C-alpha atoms as a PDB file:
ATOM      1  CA  MET A   1     -57.387  29.179 -30.886  1.00  0.00           C
ATOM      2  CA  VAL A   2     -57.507  32.825 -29.799  1.00  0.00           C
ATOM      3  CA  ALA A   3     -57.520  33.462 -26.059  1.00  0.00           C
ATOM      4  CA  GLY A   4     -60.928  35.135 -26.311  1.00  0.00           C
ATOM      5  CA  ASP A   5     -62.408  32.033 -27.946  1.00  0.00           C
ATOM      6  CA  ARG A   6     -61.734  29.780 -24.952  1.00  0.00           C
ATOM      7  CA  THR A   7     -64.504  28.867 -22.580  1.00  0.00           C
ATOM      8  CA  ALA A   8     -64.251  29.033 -18.803  1.00  0.00           C
ATOM      9  CA  ASP A   9     -64.265  25.219 -18.694  1.00  0.00           C
ATOM     10  CA  GLU A  10     -61.282  25.048 -21.073  1.00  0.00           C
ATOM     11  CA  ILE A  11     -59.363  27.593 -19.024  1.00  0.00           C
ATOM     12  CA  GLN A  12     -60.197  25.721 -15.818  1.00  0.00           C
ATOM     13  CA  SER A  13     -59.054  22.464 -17.433  1.00  0.00           C
ATOM     14  CA  ASP A  14     -55.760  24.069 -18.478  1.00  0.00           C
ATOM     15  CA  ILE A  15     -55.227  25.394 -14.954  1.00  0.00           C
ATOM     16  CA  GLU A  16     -55.882  21.958 -13.434  1.00  0.00           C
ATOM     17  CA  HIS A  17     -53.488  20.356 -15.914  1.00  0.00           C
ATOM     18  CA  ALA A  18     -50.805  22.931 -15.101  1.00  0.00           C
ATOM     19  CA  ARG A  19     -51.361  22.361 -11.361  1.00  0.00           C
ATOM     20  CA  ALA A  20     -50.990  18.606 -11.758  1.00  0.00           C
ATOM     21  CA  SER A  21     -47.802  19.037 -13.807  1.00  0.00           C
ATOM     22  CA  LEU A  22     -46.371  21.389 -11.197  1.00  0.00           C
ATOM     23  CA  ALA A  23     -47.248  18.970  -8.390  1.00  0.00           C
ATOM     24  CA  ASP A  24     -45.469  16.157 -10.263  1.00  0.00           C
ATOM     25  CA  ALA A  25     -42.399  18.352 -10.774  1.00  0.00           C
ATOM     26  CA  VAL A  26     -42.298  19.275  -7.072  1.00  0.00           C
ATOM     27  CA  ASP A  27     -42.658  15.606  -6.089  1.00  0.00           C
ATOM     28  CA  GLN A  28     -39.771  14.653  -8.384  1.00  0.00           C
ATOM     29  CA  ILE A  29     -37.563  17.392  -6.931  1.00  0.00           C
ATOM     30  CA  ALA A  30     -38.431  16.317  -3.387  1.00  0.00           C
ATOM     31  CA  TYR A  31     -37.580  12.706  -4.244  1.00  0.00           C
ATOM     32  CA  ARG A  32     -34.287  13.570  -5.942  1.00  0.00           C
ATOM     33  CA  THR A  33     -33.119  15.834  -3.132  1.00  0.00           C
ATOM     34  CA  ASN A  34     -34.220  13.651  -0.214  1.00  0.00           C
ATOM     35  CA  PRO A  35     -31.095  13.527   1.996  1.00  0.00           C
ATOM     36  CA  LYS A  36     -31.604   9.894   2.986  1.00  0.00           C
ATOM     37  CA  ARG A  37     -32.034   8.782  -0.639  1.00  0.00           C
ATOM     38  CA  VAL A  38     -29.046  10.856  -1.784  1.00  0.00           C
ATOM     39  CA  THR A  39     -26.898   9.361   0.993  1.00  0.00           C
ATOM     40  CA  GLU A  40     -27.974   5.803   0.181  1.00  0.00           C
ATOM     41  CA  SER A  41     -27.355   6.377  -3.529  1.00  0.00           C
ATOM     42  CA  ALA A  42     -23.873   7.796  -2.892  1.00  0.00           C
ATOM     43  CA  ARG A  43     -23.066   4.929  -0.529  1.00  0.00           C
ATOM     44  CA  ALA A  44     -24.153   2.336  -3.092  1.00  0.00           C
ATOM     45  CA  ALA A  45     -22.094   4.037  -5.806  1.00  0.00           C
ATOM     46  CA  LEU A  46     -19.028   4.151  -3.535  1.00  0.00           C
ATOM     47  CA  ILE A  47     -19.351   0.466  -2.631  1.00  0.00           C
ATOM     48  CA  ALA A  48     -19.736  -0.449  -6.309  1.00  0.00           C
ATOM     49  CA  ARG A  49     -16.602   1.526  -7.197  1.00  0.00           C
ATOM     50  CA  ALA A  50     -14.645   0.029  -4.299  1.00  0.00           C
ATOM     51  CA  GLN A  51     -15.383  -3.467  -5.597  1.00  0.00           C
ATOM     52  CA  THR A  52     -13.817  -2.810  -9.009  1.00  0.00           C
ATOM     53  CA  PRO A  53     -10.168  -3.748  -9.578  1.00  0.00           C
ATOM     54  CA  GLN A  54      -9.202  -0.068  -9.656  1.00  0.00           C
ATOM     55  CA  GLY A  55     -11.104   0.578  -6.431  1.00  0.00           C
ATOM     56  CA  LYS A  56      -9.382  -2.313  -4.700  1.00  0.00           C
ATOM     57  CA  ALA A  57      -5.997  -0.995  -5.855  1.00  0.00           C
ATOM     58  CA  VAL A  58      -6.749   2.469  -4.477  1.00  0.00           C
ATOM     59  CA  ILE A  59      -7.936   1.046  -1.151  1.00  0.00           C
ATOM     60  CA  GLY A  60      -4.826  -1.135  -0.937  1.00  0.00           C
ATOM     61  CA  GLY A  61      -2.573   1.824  -1.751  1.00  0.00           C
ATOM     62  CA  VAL A  62      -4.217   4.045   0.847  1.00  0.00           C
ATOM     63  CA  GLY A  63      -3.998   1.259   3.420  1.00  0.00           C
ATOM     64  CA  ALA A  64      -0.292   0.762   2.703  1.00  0.00           C
ATOM     65  CA  LEU A  65       0.334   4.505   2.944  1.00  0.00           C
ATOM     66  CA  LEU A  66      -1.463   4.694   6.292  1.00  0.00           C
ATOM     67  CA  ALA A  67       0.505   1.719   7.595  1.00  0.00           C
ATOM     68  CA  ILE A  68       3.777   3.397   6.582  1.00  0.00           C
ATOM     69  CA  MET A  69       2.728   6.632   8.271  1.00  0.00           C
ATOM     70  CA  VAL A  70       1.839   4.838  11.512  1.00  0.00           C
ATOM     71  CA  VAL A  71       5.133   2.912  11.541  1.00  0.00           C
ATOM     72  CA  ARG A  72       7.134   6.096  10.886  1.00  0.00           C
ATOM     73  CA  ARG A  73       5.287   7.919  13.650  1.00  0.00           C
ATOM     74  CA  PHE A  74       6.090   5.205  16.202  1.00  0.00           C
ATOM     75  CA  THR A  75       9.710   4.902  15.110  1.00  0.00           C
ATOM     76  CA  LYS A  76      10.221   8.671  15.449  1.00  0.00           C
ATOM     77  CA  ARG A  77       8.916   8.544  19.031  1.00  0.00           C
ATOM     78  CA  GLY A  78      11.472   5.898  19.924  1.00  0.00           C
ATOM     79  CA  ARG A  79      14.425   8.115  18.967  1.00  0.00           C
END
């Protein structure tokens, strides 16, 4: 269809459709970038990873390293 062959109603309909599509896109962006939702999603992902065997090993390793650092710090003070 040539642009000159379109009626005002067809053009108006296309504009309304484009507006609705744009509004949906903006709503999706607002949802995806909502700080509270992003934080909750990251927290849930972190908890899920921490509950895997590899996550538990990393947490245990970090805990052991921190314990060693604390013990070394207190033993150096006693010298």
